[in-house]
Amino acid sequence: MNITTVIDGTSARITPRGDIDFETLPPLRAAAQALPTRVTDLLWDLHHTAFMDVAGLHLLFDHLPVDGPDLHTTVTGLRQQPQRLLLMAAAIHPATFDLSRLFPDAPLASQPASEA
């Protein structure tokens, strides 16, 4: 997996290239944990991620360590399979997998899993 991180002031964009699974989860978490404390907005750019298993749910919904920054996390570039996974997780456990947090302005946040 190739991971690119771009920081612009208090915003960061992390772009993984490849699948997100439990093998690639540690370097992705390390990329997020390595962000400077001034970063308050994190955008996961998933344009180059065709597949994501449950590790992606851990990546997007588990919080960074308590001593880390309080990040506002959003996602862009969801492809079909990762989108279906997120919609299914949200349909099963909406309180745990609150998509409105990741997609505050997108119709995806309110779209039922059956429509994906």
PDB file of N, CA and C in Angstrom:
ATOM      1  N   MET A   1       0.841  -1.183   0.000  1.00  0.00           N
ATOM      2  CA  MET A   1       0.000   0.000   0.000  1.00  0.00           C
ATOM      3  C   MET A   1       0.880   1.238   0.000  1.00  0.00           C
ATOM      4  N   ASN A   2       0.488   2.201  -0.795  1.00  0.00           N
ATOM      5  CA  ASN A   2       1.138   3.501  -0.837  1.00  0.00           C
ATOM      6  C   ASN A   2       0.197   4.496  -0.169  1.00  0.00           C
ATOM      7  N   ILE A   3       0.730   5.286   0.762  1.00  0.00           N
ATOM      8  CA  ILE A   3      -0.085   6.255   1.498  1.00  0.00           C
ATOM      9  C   ILE A   3       0.525   7.636   1.309  1.00  0.00           C
ATOM     10  N   THR A   4      -0.296   8.580   0.865  1.00  0.00           N
ATOM     11  CA  THR A   4       0.145   9.955   0.704  1.00  0.00           C
ATOM     12  C   THR A   4      -0.586  10.828   1.717  1.00  0.00           C
ATOM     13  N   THR A   5       0.162  11.663   2.411  1.00  0.00           N
ATOM     14  CA  THR A   5      -0.426  12.606   3.359  1.00  0.00           C
ATOM     15  C   THR A   5      -0.066  14.017   2.925  1.00  0.00           C
ATOM     16  N   VAL A   6      -1.074  14.869   2.820  1.00  0.00           N
ATOM     17  CA  VAL A   6      -0.868  16.272   2.478  1.00  0.00           C
ATOM     18  C   VAL A   6      -1.491  17.106   3.599  1.00  0.00           C
ATOM     19  N   ILE A   7      -0.693  18.011   4.148  1.00  0.00           N
ATOM     20  CA  ILE A   7      -1.162  18.875   5.230  1.00  0.00           C
ATOM     21  C   ILE A   7      -1.193  20.311   4.731  1.00  0.00           C
ATOM     22  N   ASP A   8      -2.317  20.975   4.984  1.00  0.00           N
ATOM     23  CA  ASP A   8      -2.484  22.375   4.613  1.00  0.00           C
ATOM     24  C   ASP A   8      -3.082  23.090   5.822  1.00  0.00           C
ATOM     25  N   GLY A   9      -2.242  23.724   6.604  1.00  0.00           N
ATOM     26  CA  GLY A   9      -2.701  24.416   7.811  1.00  0.00           C
ATOM     27  C   GLY A   9      -3.236  23.441   8.827  1.00  0.00           C
ATOM     28  N   THR A  10      -4.548  23.553   9.121  1.00  0.00           N
ATOM     29  CA  THR A  10      -5.169  22.668  10.119  1.00  0.00           C
ATOM     30  C   THR A  10      -5.894  21.495   9.461  1.00  0.00           C
ATOM     31  N   SER A  11      -5.740  21.350   8.146  1.00  0.00           N
ATOM     32  CA  SER A  11      -6.391  20.256   7.420  1.00  0.00           C
ATOM     33  C   SER A  11      -5.360  19.280   6.875  1.00  0.00           C
ATOM     34  N   ALA A  12      -5.757  18.005   6.836  1.00  0.00           N
ATOM     35  CA  ALA A  12      -4.898  16.971   6.261  1.00  0.00           C
ATOM     36  C   ALA A  12      -5.738  16.073   5.374  1.00  0.00           C
ATOM     37  N   ARG A  13      -5.110  15.586   4.307  1.00  0.00           N
ATOM     38  CA  ARG A  13      -5.735  14.617   3.397  1.00  0.00           C
ATOM     39  C   ARG A  13      -4.809  13.412   3.360  1.00  0.00           C
ATOM     40  N   ILE A  14      -5.362  12.241   3.715  1.00  0.00           N
ATOM     41  CA  ILE A  14      -4.601  10.999   3.623  1.00  0.00           C
ATOM     42  C   ILE A  14      -5.220  10.184   2.499  1.00  0.00           C
ATOM     43  N   THR A  15      -4.382   9.809   1.532  1.00  0.00           N
ATOM     44  CA  THR A  15      -4.828   9.065   0.361  1.00  0.00           C
ATOM     45  C   THR A  15      -4.126   7.715   0.315  1.00  0.00           C
ATOM     46  N   PRO A  16      -4.833   6.641   0.669  1.00  0.00           N
ATOM     47  CA  PRO A  16      -4.253   5.309   0.501  1.00  0.00           C
ATOM     48  C   PRO A  16      -4.474   4.825  -0.929  1.00  0.00           C
ATOM     49  N   ARG A  17      -3.522   4.066  -1.435  1.00  0.00           N
ATOM     50  CA  ARG A  17      -3.661   3.454  -2.760  1.00  0.00           C
ATOM     51  C   ARG A  17      -3.570   1.952  -2.560  1.00  0.00           C
ATOM     52  N   GLY A  18      -4.740   1.312  -2.624  1.00  0.00           N
ATOM     53  CA  GLY A  18      -4.815  -0.134  -2.407  1.00  0.00           C
ATOM     54  C   GLY A  18      -5.966  -0.454  -1.471  1.00  0.00           C
ATOM     55  N   ASP A  19      -6.120  -1.745  -1.224  1.00  0.00           N
ATOM     56  CA  ASP A  19      -7.210  -2.225  -0.381  1.00  0.00           C
ATOM     57  C   ASP A  19      -6.945  -1.906   1.085  1.00  0.00           C
ATOM     58  N   ILE A  20      -8.038  -1.733   1.841  1.00  0.00           N
ATOM     59  CA  ILE A  20      -7.935  -1.535   3.283  1.00  0.00           C
ATOM     60  C   ILE A  20      -8.394  -2.821   3.953  1.00  0.00           C
ATOM     61  N   ASP A  21      -7.450  -3.474   4.647  1.00  0.00           N
ATOM     62  CA  ASP A  21      -7.732  -4.692   5.384  1.00  0.00           C
ATOM     63  C   ASP A  21      -6.865  -4.682   6.637  1.00  0.00           C
ATOM     64  N   PHE A  22      -6.874  -5.768   7.399  1.00  0.00           N
ATOM     65  CA  PHE A  22      -6.134  -5.750   8.656  1.00  0.00           C
ATOM     66  C   PHE A  22      -4.619  -5.704   8.455  1.00  0.00           C
ATOM     67  N   GLU A  23      -4.139  -6.049   7.273  1.00  0.00           N
ATOM     68  CA  GLU A  23      -2.704  -5.931   6.982  1.00  0.00           C
ATOM     69  C   GLU A  23      -2.303  -4.470   6.743  1.00  0.00           C
ATOM     70  N   THR A  24      -3.189  -3.713   6.136  1.00  0.00           N
ATOM     71  CA  THR A  24      -2.874  -2.320   5.821  1.00  0.00           C
ATOM     72  C   THR A  24      -3.375  -1.346   6.891  1.00  0.00           C
ATOM     73  N   LEU A  25      -4.154  -1.838   7.845  1.00  0.00           N
ATOM     74  CA  LEU A  25      -4.679  -0.969   8.900  1.00  0.00           C
ATOM     75  C   LEU A  25      -3.578  -0.311   9.736  1.00  0.00           C
ATOM     76  N   PRO A  26      -2.551  -1.039  10.206  1.00  0.00           N
ATOM     77  CA  PRO A  26      -1.521  -0.380  11.025  1.00  0.00           C
ATOM     78  C   PRO A  26      -0.820   0.798  10.345  1.00  0.00           C
ATOM     79  N   PRO A  27      -0.389   0.688   9.082  1.00  0.00           N
ATOM     80  CA  PRO A  27       0.242   1.876   8.483  1.00  0.00           C
ATOM     81  C   PRO A  27      -0.729   3.032   8.266  1.00  0.00           C
ATOM     82  N   LEU A  28      -1.995   2.729   8.026  1.00  0.00           N
ATOM     83  CA  LEU A  28      -2.979   3.800   7.874  1.00  0.00           C
ATOM     84  C   LEU A  28      -3.219   4.506   9.200  1.00  0.00           C
ATOM     85  N   ARG A  29      -3.336   3.739  10.268  1.00  0.00           N
ATOM     86  CA  ARG A  29      -3.478   4.357  11.589  1.00  0.00           C
ATOM     87  C   ARG A  29      -2.239   5.171  11.939  1.00  0.00           C
ATOM     88  N   ALA A  30      -1.070   4.638  11.605  1.00  0.00           N
ATOM     89  CA  ALA A  30       0.180   5.358  11.888  1.00  0.00           C
ATOM     90  C   ALA A  30       0.214   6.691  11.143  1.00  0.00           C
ATOM     91  N   ALA A  31      -0.286   6.712   9.909  1.00  0.00           N
ATOM     92  CA  ALA A  31      -0.322   7.961   9.135  1.00  0.00           C
ATOM     93  C   ALA A  31      -1.208   8.986   9.837  1.00  0.00           C
ATOM     94  N   ALA A  32      -2.352   8.549  10.346  1.00  0.00           N
ATOM     95  CA  ALA A  32      -3.261   9.467  11.047  1.00  0.00           C
ATOM     96  C   ALA A  32      -2.663   9.907  12.380  1.00  0.00           C
ATOM     97  N   GLN A  33      -2.032   8.996  13.086  1.00  0.00           N
ATOM     98  CA  GLN A  33      -1.458   9.336  14.386  1.00  0.00           C
ATOM     99  C   GLN A  33      -0.230  10.227  14.264  1.00  0.00           C
ATOM    100  N   ALA A  34       0.401  10.227  13.097  1.00  0.00           N
ATOM    101  CA  ALA A  34       1.588  11.052  12.880  1.00  0.00           C
ATOM    102  C   ALA A  34       1.246  12.496  12.513  1.00  0.00           C
ATOM    103  N   LEU A  35      -0.025  12.790  12.352  1.00  0.00           N
ATOM    104  CA  LEU A  35      -0.407  14.162  11.998  1.00  0.00           C
ATOM    105  C   LEU A  35      -0.030  15.119  13.128  1.00  0.00           C
ATOM    106  N   PRO A  36       0.389  16.310  12.780  1.00  0.00           N
ATOM    107  CA  PRO A  36       0.696  17.308  13.813  1.00  0.00           C
ATOM    108  C   PRO A  36      -0.558  17.641  14.629  1.00  0.00           C
ATOM    109  N   THR A  37      -0.366  18.038  15.852  1.00  0.00           N
ATOM    110  CA  THR A  37      -1.500  18.335  16.730  1.00  0.00           C
ATOM    111  C   THR A  37      -2.323  19.517  16.236  1.00  0.00           C
ATOM    112  N   ARG A  38      -1.786  20.359  15.372  1.00  0.00           N
ATOM    113  CA  ARG A  38      -2.543  21.502  14.851  1.00  0.00           C
ATOM    114  C   ARG A  38      -3.627  21.063  13.858  1.00  0.00           C
ATOM    115  N   VAL A  39      -3.534  19.841  13.349  1.00  0.00           N
ATOM    116  CA  VAL A  39      -4.516  19.348  12.386  1.00  0.00           C
ATOM    117  C   VAL A  39      -5.817  19.016  13.109  1.00  0.00           C
ATOM    118  N   THR A  40      -6.899  19.651  12.679  1.00  0.00           N
ATOM    119  CA  THR A  40      -8.212  19.423  13.280  1.00  0.00           C
ATOM    120  C   THR A  40      -9.204  18.807  12.296  1.00  0.00           C
ATOM    121  N   ASP A  41      -8.875  18.806  11.003  1.00  0.00           N
ATOM    122  CA  ASP A  41      -9.743  18.229   9.977  1.00  0.00           C
ATOM    123  C   ASP A  41      -8.958  17.211   9.156  1.00  0.00           C
ATOM    124  N   LEU A  42      -9.450  15.981   9.146  1.00  0.00           N
ATOM    125  CA  LEU A  42      -8.808  14.906   8.398  1.00  0.00           C
ATOM    126  C   LEU A  42      -9.764  14.405   7.331  1.00  0.00           C
ATOM    127  N   LEU A  43      -9.303  14.397   6.095  1.00  0.00           N
ATOM    128  CA  LEU A  43     -10.073  13.873   4.970  1.00  0.00           C
ATOM    129  C   LEU A  43      -9.394  12.606   4.476  1.00  0.00           C
ATOM    130  N   TRP A  44     -10.121  11.489   4.529  1.00  0.00           N
ATOM    131  CA  TRP A  44      -9.640  10.238   3.932  1.00  0.00           C
ATOM    132  C   TRP A  44     -10.098  10.232   2.487  1.00  0.00           C
ATOM    133  N   ASP A  45      -9.154  10.251   1.551  1.00  0.00           N
ATOM    134  CA  ASP A  45      -9.456  10.235   0.124  1.00  0.00           C
ATOM    135  C   ASP A  45      -9.350   8.781  -0.344  1.00  0.00           C
ATOM    136  N   LEU A  46     -10.498   8.158  -0.599  1.00  0.00           N
ATOM    137  CA  LEU A  46     -10.534   6.732  -0.928  1.00  0.00           C
ATOM    138  C   LEU A  46     -10.770   6.461  -2.413  1.00  0.00           C
ATOM    139  N   HIS A  47     -10.428   7.413  -3.263  1.00  0.00           N
ATOM    140  CA  HIS A  47     -10.580   7.232  -4.712  1.00  0.00           C
ATOM    141  C   HIS A  47      -9.832   6.005  -5.221  1.00  0.00           C
ATOM    142  N   HIS A  48      -8.722   5.662  -4.590  1.00  0.00           N
ATOM    143  CA  HIS A  48      -7.866   4.569  -5.056  1.00  0.00           C
ATOM    144  C   HIS A  48      -8.023   3.310  -4.210  1.00  0.00           C
ATOM    145  N   THR A  49      -9.146   3.201  -3.497  1.00  0.00           N
ATOM    146  CA  THR A  49      -9.417   2.046  -2.639  1.00  0.00           C
ATOM    147  C   THR A  49     -10.661   1.336  -3.165  1.00  0.00           C
ATOM    148  N   ALA A  50     -10.438   0.212  -3.854  1.00  0.00           N
ATOM    149  CA  ALA A  50     -11.549  -0.533  -4.445  1.00  0.00           C
ATOM    150  C   ALA A  50     -12.202  -1.479  -3.453  1.00  0.00           C
ATOM    151  N   PHE A  51     -11.450  -1.906  -2.429  1.00  0.00           N
ATOM    152  CA  PHE A  51     -11.969  -2.879  -1.467  1.00  0.00           C
ATOM    153  C   PHE A  51     -11.620  -2.450  -0.048  1.00  0.00           C
ATOM    154  N   MET A  52     -12.582  -2.642   0.846  1.00  0.00           N
ATOM    155  CA  MET A  52     -12.366  -2.351   2.260  1.00  0.00           C
ATOM    156  C   MET A  52     -13.134  -3.397   3.051  1.00  0.00           C
ATOM    157  N   ASP A  53     -12.442  -4.069   3.985  1.00  0.00           N
ATOM    158  CA  ASP A  53     -13.153  -5.001   4.853  1.00  0.00           C
ATOM    159  C   ASP A  53     -13.426  -4.320   6.185  1.00  0.00           C
ATOM    160  N   VAL A  54     -13.764  -5.077   7.202  1.00  0.00           N
ATOM    161  CA  VAL A  54     -14.130  -4.513   8.499  1.00  0.00           C
ATOM    162  C   VAL A  54     -13.010  -3.641   9.082  1.00  0.00           C
ATOM    163  N   ALA A  55     -11.783  -3.830   8.639  1.00  0.00           N
ATOM    164  CA  ALA A  55     -10.677  -2.977   9.093  1.00  0.00           C
ATOM    165  C   ALA A  55     -10.937  -1.520   8.733  1.00  0.00           C
ATOM    166  N   GLY A  56     -11.598  -1.296   7.611  1.00  0.00           N
ATOM    167  CA  GLY A  56     -11.952   0.072   7.224  1.00  0.00           C
ATOM    168  C   GLY A  56     -12.911   0.717   8.208  1.00  0.00           C
ATOM    169  N   LEU A  57     -13.813  -0.084   8.772  1.00  0.00           N
ATOM    170  CA  LEU A  57     -14.718   0.445   9.792  1.00  0.00           C
ATOM    171  C   LEU A  57     -13.934   0.859  11.028  1.00  0.00           C
ATOM    172  N   HIS A  58     -12.957   0.037  11.402  1.00  0.00           N
ATOM    173  CA  HIS A  58     -12.102   0.389  12.540  1.00  0.00           C
ATOM    174  C   HIS A  58     -11.327   1.670  12.252  1.00  0.00           C
ATOM    175  N   LEU A  59     -10.811   1.790  11.053  1.00  0.00           N
ATOM    176  CA  LEU A  59     -10.040   2.972  10.683  1.00  0.00           C
ATOM    177  C   LEU A  59     -10.887   4.239  10.766  1.00  0.00           C
ATOM    178  N   LEU A  60     -12.094   4.186  10.238  1.00  0.00           N
ATOM    179  CA  LEU A  60     -12.923   5.385  10.135  1.00  0.00           C
ATOM    180  C   LEU A  60     -13.720   5.710  11.395  1.00  0.00           C
ATOM    181  N   PHE A  61     -13.963   4.711  12.238  1.00  0.00           N
ATOM    182  CA  PHE A  61     -14.822   4.953  13.394  1.00  0.00           C
ATOM    183  C   PHE A  61     -14.136   4.815  14.744  1.00  0.00           C
ATOM    184  N   ASP A  62     -12.970   4.173  14.805  1.00  0.00           N
ATOM    185  CA  ASP A  62     -12.233   4.133  16.068  1.00  0.00           C
ATOM    186  C   ASP A  62     -11.530   5.466  16.234  1.00  0.00           C
ATOM    187  N   HIS A  63     -11.480   5.949  17.454  1.00  0.00           N
ATOM    188  CA  HIS A  63     -10.845   7.235  17.705  1.00  0.00           C
ATOM    189  C   HIS A  63      -9.347   7.057  17.904  1.00  0.00           C
ATOM    190  N   LEU A  64      -8.619   8.105  17.602  1.00  0.00           N
ATOM    191  CA  LEU A  64      -7.186   8.116  17.861  1.00  0.00           C
ATOM    192  C   LEU A  64      -6.965   8.099  19.369  1.00  0.00           C
ATOM    193  N   PRO A  65      -5.757   7.805  19.819  1.00  0.00           N
ATOM    194  CA  PRO A  65      -5.499   7.781  21.257  1.00  0.00           C
ATOM    195  C   PRO A  65      -5.957   9.068  21.936  1.00  0.00           C
ATOM    196  N   VAL A  66      -6.299   8.950  23.212  1.00  0.00           N
ATOM    197  CA  VAL A  66      -6.838  10.077  23.983  1.00  0.00           C
ATOM    198  C   VAL A  66      -5.921  11.289  23.942  1.00  0.00           C
ATOM    199  N   ASP A  67      -4.601  11.075  23.923  1.00  0.00           N
ATOM    200  CA  ASP A  67      -3.681  12.208  23.935  1.00  0.00           C
ATOM    201  C   ASP A  67      -3.482  12.801  22.538  1.00  0.00           C
ATOM    202  N   GLY A  68      -4.121  12.245  21.526  1.00  0.00           N
ATOM    203  CA  GLY A  68      -3.997  12.755  20.168  1.00  0.00           C
ATOM    204  C   GLY A  68      -4.976  13.880  19.907  1.00  0.00           C
ATOM    205  N   PRO A  69      -4.927  14.457  18.720  1.00  0.00           N
ATOM    206  CA  PRO A  69      -5.822  15.564  18.396  1.00  0.00           C
ATOM    207  C   PRO A  69      -7.263  15.090  18.266  1.00  0.00           C
ATOM    208  N   ASP A  70      -8.186  15.996  18.517  1.00  0.00           N
ATOM    209  CA  ASP A  70      -9.602  15.714  18.318  1.00  0.00           C
ATOM    210  C   ASP A  70      -9.910  16.071  16.876  1.00  0.00           C
ATOM    211  N   LEU A  71      -9.912  15.078  16.002  1.00  0.00           N
ATOM    212  CA  LEU A  71     -10.053  15.315  14.576  1.00  0.00           C
ATOM    213  C   LEU A  71     -11.500  15.226  14.116  1.00  0.00           C
ATOM    214  N   HIS A  72     -11.873  16.126  13.211  1.00  0.00           N
ATOM    215  CA  HIS A  72     -13.130  16.025  12.487  1.00  0.00           C
ATOM    216  C   HIS A  72     -12.780  15.234  11.238  1.00  0.00           C
ATOM    217  N   THR A  73     -13.311  14.024  11.118  1.00  0.00           N
ATOM    218  CA  THR A  73     -12.935  13.115  10.044  1.00  0.00           C
ATOM    219  C   THR A  73     -14.038  13.009   9.014  1.00  0.00           C
ATOM    220  N   THR A  74     -13.668  13.161   7.740  1.00  0.00           N
ATOM    221  CA  THR A  74     -14.606  12.988   6.637  1.00  0.00           C
ATOM    222  C   THR A  74     -13.968  12.084   5.587  1.00  0.00           C
ATOM    223  N   VAL A  75     -14.804  11.642   4.639  1.00  0.00           N
ATOM    224  CA  VAL A  75     -14.355  10.715   3.598  1.00  0.00           C
ATOM    225  C   VAL A  75     -14.811  11.241   2.245  1.00  0.00           C
ATOM    226  N   THR A  76     -13.981  11.038   1.238  1.00  0.00           N
ATOM    227  CA  THR A  76     -14.336  11.365  -0.137  1.00  0.00           C
ATOM    228  C   THR A  76     -13.886  10.221  -1.040  1.00  0.00           C
ATOM    229  N   GLY A  77     -14.488  10.151  -2.210  1.00  0.00           N
ATOM    230  CA  GLY A  77     -14.057   9.199  -3.222  1.00  0.00           C
ATOM    231  C   GLY A  77     -14.424   7.755  -2.964  1.00  0.00           C
ATOM    232  N   LEU A  78     -15.513   7.519  -2.244  1.00  0.00           N
ATOM    233  CA  LEU A  78     -15.913   6.142  -1.958  1.00  0.00           C
ATOM    234  C   LEU A  78     -16.286   5.405  -3.236  1.00  0.00           C
ATOM    235  N   ARG A  79     -15.697   4.244  -3.405  1.00  0.00           N
ATOM    236  CA  ARG A  79     -16.061   3.399  -4.531  1.00  0.00           C
ATOM    237  C   ARG A  79     -17.177   2.447  -4.087  1.00  0.00           C
ATOM    238  N   GLN A  80     -17.691   1.666  -5.002  1.00  0.00           N
ATOM    239  CA  GLN A  80     -18.906   0.886  -4.770  1.00  0.00           C
ATOM    240  C   GLN A  80     -18.812  -0.063  -3.576  1.00  0.00           C
ATOM    241  N   GLN A  81     -17.808  -0.899  -3.495  1.00  0.00           N
ATOM    242  CA  GLN A  81     -17.757  -1.887  -2.412  1.00  0.00           C
ATOM    243  C   GLN A  81     -17.564  -1.230  -1.047  1.00  0.00           C
ATOM    244  N   PRO A  82     -16.621  -0.295  -0.874  1.00  0.00           N
ATOM    245  CA  PRO A  82     -16.523   0.366   0.435  1.00  0.00           C
ATOM    246  C   PRO A  82     -17.809   1.099   0.827  1.00  0.00           C
ATOM    247  N   GLN A  83     -18.487   1.699  -0.145  1.00  0.00           N
ATOM    248  CA  GLN A  83     -19.742   2.383   0.140  1.00  0.00           C
ATOM    249  C   GLN A  83     -20.790   1.394   0.640  1.00  0.00           C
ATOM    250  N   ARG A  84     -20.896   0.239  -0.009  1.00  0.00           N
ATOM    251  CA  ARG A  84     -21.866  -0.777   0.437  1.00  0.00           C
ATOM    252  C   ARG A  84     -21.559  -1.236   1.853  1.00  0.00           C
ATOM    253  N   LEU A  85     -20.279  -1.429   2.168  1.00  0.00           N
ATOM    254  CA  LEU A  85     -19.895  -1.851   3.515  1.00  0.00           C
ATOM    255  C   LEU A  85     -20.334  -0.814   4.553  1.00  0.00           C
ATOM    256  N   LEU A  86     -20.059   0.453   4.284  1.00  0.00           N
ATOM    257  CA  LEU A  86     -20.447   1.506   5.226  1.00  0.00           C
ATOM    258  C   LEU A  86     -21.968   1.585   5.385  1.00  0.00           C
ATOM    259  N   LEU A  87     -22.696   1.492   4.289  1.00  0.00           N
ATOM    260  CA  LEU A  87     -24.152   1.544   4.362  1.00  0.00           C
ATOM    261  C   LEU A  87     -24.723   0.358   5.133  1.00  0.00           C
ATOM    262  N   MET A  88     -24.150  -0.826   4.925  1.00  0.00           N
ATOM    263  CA  MET A  88     -24.618  -2.000   5.638  1.00  0.00           C
ATOM    264  C   MET A  88     -24.325  -1.879   7.136  1.00  0.00           C
ATOM    265  N   ALA A  89     -23.134  -1.428   7.483  1.00  0.00           N
ATOM    266  CA  ALA A  89     -22.778  -1.256   8.894  1.00  0.00           C
ATOM    267  C   ALA A  89     -23.702  -0.235   9.552  1.00  0.00           C
ATOM    268  N   ALA A  90     -23.987   0.854   8.856  1.00  0.00           N
ATOM    269  CA  ALA A  90     -24.867   1.888   9.402  1.00  0.00           C
ATOM    270  C   ALA A  90     -26.299   1.386   9.553  1.00  0.00           C
ATOM    271  N   ALA A  91     -26.749   0.535   8.638  1.00  0.00           N
ATOM    272  CA  ALA A  91     -28.099  -0.007   8.732  1.00  0.00           C
ATOM    273  C   ALA A  91     -28.221  -0.961   9.918  1.00  0.00           C
ATOM    274  N   ILE A  92     -27.167  -1.704  10.203  1.00  0.00           N
ATOM    275  CA  ILE A  92     -27.199  -2.682  11.297  1.00  0.00           C
ATOM    276  C   ILE A  92     -27.004  -2.007  12.650  1.00  0.00           C
ATOM    277  N   HIS A  93     -26.057  -1.065  12.729  1.00  0.00           N
ATOM    278  CA  HIS A  93     -25.737  -0.367  13.985  1.00  0.00           C
ATOM    279  C   HIS A  93     -25.616   1.136  13.728  1.00  0.00           C
ATOM    280  N   PRO A  94     -26.736   1.833  13.539  1.00  0.00           N
ATOM    281  CA  PRO A  94     -26.669   3.251  13.173  1.00  0.00           C
ATOM    282  C   PRO A  94     -25.999   4.144  14.218  1.00  0.00           C
ATOM    283  N   ALA A  95     -26.117   3.823  15.481  1.00  0.00           N
ATOM    284  CA  ALA A  95     -25.482   4.659  16.507  1.00  0.00           C
ATOM    285  C   ALA A  95     -23.963   4.500  16.489  1.00  0.00           C
ATOM    286  N   THR A  96     -23.501   3.304  16.198  1.00  0.00           N
ATOM    287  CA  THR A  96     -22.059   3.042  16.159  1.00  0.00           C
ATOM    288  C   THR A  96     -21.432   3.577  14.881  1.00  0.00           C
ATOM    289  N   PHE A  97     -22.118   3.385  13.768  1.00  0.00           N
ATOM    290  CA  PHE A  97     -21.596   3.784  12.464  1.00  0.00           C
ATOM    291  C   PHE A  97     -22.428   4.939  11.914  1.00  0.00           C
ATOM    292  N   ASP A  98     -22.250   6.098  12.508  1.00  0.00           N
ATOM    293  CA  ASP A  98     -22.986   7.303  12.140  1.00  0.00           C
ATOM    294  C   ASP A  98     -22.346   7.926  10.905  1.00  0.00           C
ATOM    295  N   LEU A  99     -22.940   7.668   9.755  1.00  0.00           N
ATOM    296  CA  LEU A  99     -22.367   8.165   8.504  1.00  0.00           C
ATOM    297  C   LEU A  99     -22.473   9.671   8.365  1.00  0.00           C
ATOM    298  N   SER A 100     -23.377  10.301   9.087  1.00  0.00           N
ATOM    299  CA  SER A 100     -23.480  11.759   8.989  1.00  0.00           C
ATOM    300  C   SER A 100     -22.207  12.431   9.498  1.00  0.00           C
ATOM    301  N   ARG A 101     -21.444  11.727  10.323  1.00  0.00           N
ATOM    302  CA  ARG A 101     -20.169  12.255  10.802  1.00  0.00           C
ATOM    303  C   ARG A 101     -19.128  12.253   9.682  1.00  0.00           C
ATOM    304  N   LEU A 102     -19.138  11.195   8.862  1.00  0.00           N
ATOM    305  CA  LEU A 102     -18.157  11.082   7.775  1.00  0.00           C
ATOM    306  C   LEU A 102     -18.566  11.846   6.527  1.00  0.00           C
ATOM    307  N   PHE A 103     -19.880  11.984   6.310  1.00  0.00           N
ATOM    308  CA  PHE A 103     -20.420  12.613   5.102  1.00  0.00           C
ATOM    309  C   PHE A 103     -21.456  13.657   5.500  1.00  0.00           C
ATOM    310  N   PRO A 104     -21.074  14.721   6.159  1.00  0.00           N
ATOM    311  CA  PRO A 104     -22.059  15.660   6.680  1.00  0.00           C
ATOM    312  C   PRO A 104     -22.929  16.325   5.628  1.00  0.00           C
ATOM    313  N   ASP A 105     -22.451  16.463   4.407  1.00  0.00           N
ATOM    314  CA  ASP A 105     -23.204  17.177   3.371  1.00  0.00           C
ATOM    315  C   ASP A 105     -23.666  16.278   2.237  1.00  0.00           C
ATOM    316  N   ALA A 106     -23.487  14.969   2.368  1.00  0.00           N
ATOM    317  CA  ALA A 106     -23.777  14.073   1.257  1.00  0.00           C
ATOM    318  C   ALA A 106     -25.082  13.315   1.459  1.00  0.00           C
ATOM    319  N   PRO A 107     -25.797  13.021   0.379  1.00  0.00           N
ATOM    320  CA  PRO A 107     -27.010  12.220   0.476  1.00  0.00           C
ATOM    321  C   PRO A 107     -26.725  10.817   1.001  1.00  0.00           C
ATOM    322  N   LEU A 108     -25.494  10.330   0.834  1.00  0.00           N
ATOM    323  CA  LEU A 108     -25.107   8.997   1.286  1.00  0.00           C
ATOM    324  C   LEU A 108     -25.415   8.812   2.766  1.00  0.00           C
ATOM    325  N   ALA A 109     -25.282   9.854   3.563  1.00  0.00           N
ATOM    326  CA  ALA A 109     -25.483   9.741   5.003  1.00  0.00           C
ATOM    327  C   ALA A 109     -26.887   9.317   5.362  1.00  0.00           C
ATOM    328  N   SER A 110     -27.854   9.603   4.525  1.00  0.00           N
ATOM    329  CA  SER A 110     -29.224   9.241   4.860  1.00  0.00           C
ATOM    330  C   SER A 110     -29.782   8.151   3.943  1.00  0.00           C
ATOM    331  N   GLN A 111     -28.969   7.630   3.045  1.00  0.00           N
ATOM    332  CA  GLN A 111     -29.426   6.633   2.091  1.00  0.00           C
ATOM    333  C   GLN A 111     -29.514   5.260   2.755  1.00  0.00           C
ATOM    334  N   PRO A 112     -30.661   4.584   2.675  1.00  0.00           N
ATOM    335  CA  PRO A 112     -30.786   3.260   3.260  1.00  0.00           C
ATOM    336  C   PRO A 112     -29.892   2.255   2.530  1.00  0.00           C
ATOM    337  N   ALA A 113     -29.429   1.250   3.248  1.00  0.00           N
ATOM    338  CA  ALA A 113     -28.525   0.247   2.698  1.00  0.00           C
ATOM    339  C   ALA A 113     -29.158  -0.495   1.526  1.00  0.00           C
ATOM    340  N   SER A 114     -30.458  -0.658   1.507  1.00  0.00           N
ATOM    341  CA  SER A 114     -31.121  -1.396   0.421  1.00  0.00           C
ATOM    342  C   SER A 114     -31.016  -0.694  -0.926  1.00  0.00           C
ATOM    343  N   GLU A 115     -30.693   0.608  -0.916  1.00  0.00           N
ATOM    344  CA  GLU A 115     -30.592   1.357  -2.169  1.00  0.00           C
ATOM    345  C   GLU A 115     -29.183   1.354  -2.731  1.00  0.00           C
ATOM    346  N   ALA A 116     -28.213   0.833  -1.989  1.00  0.00           N
ATOM    347  CA  ALA A 116     -26.820   0.852  -2.450  1.00  0.00           C
ATOM    348  C   ALA A 116     -26.576  -0.180  -3.523  1.00  0.00           C
TER     349      ALA A 116
END
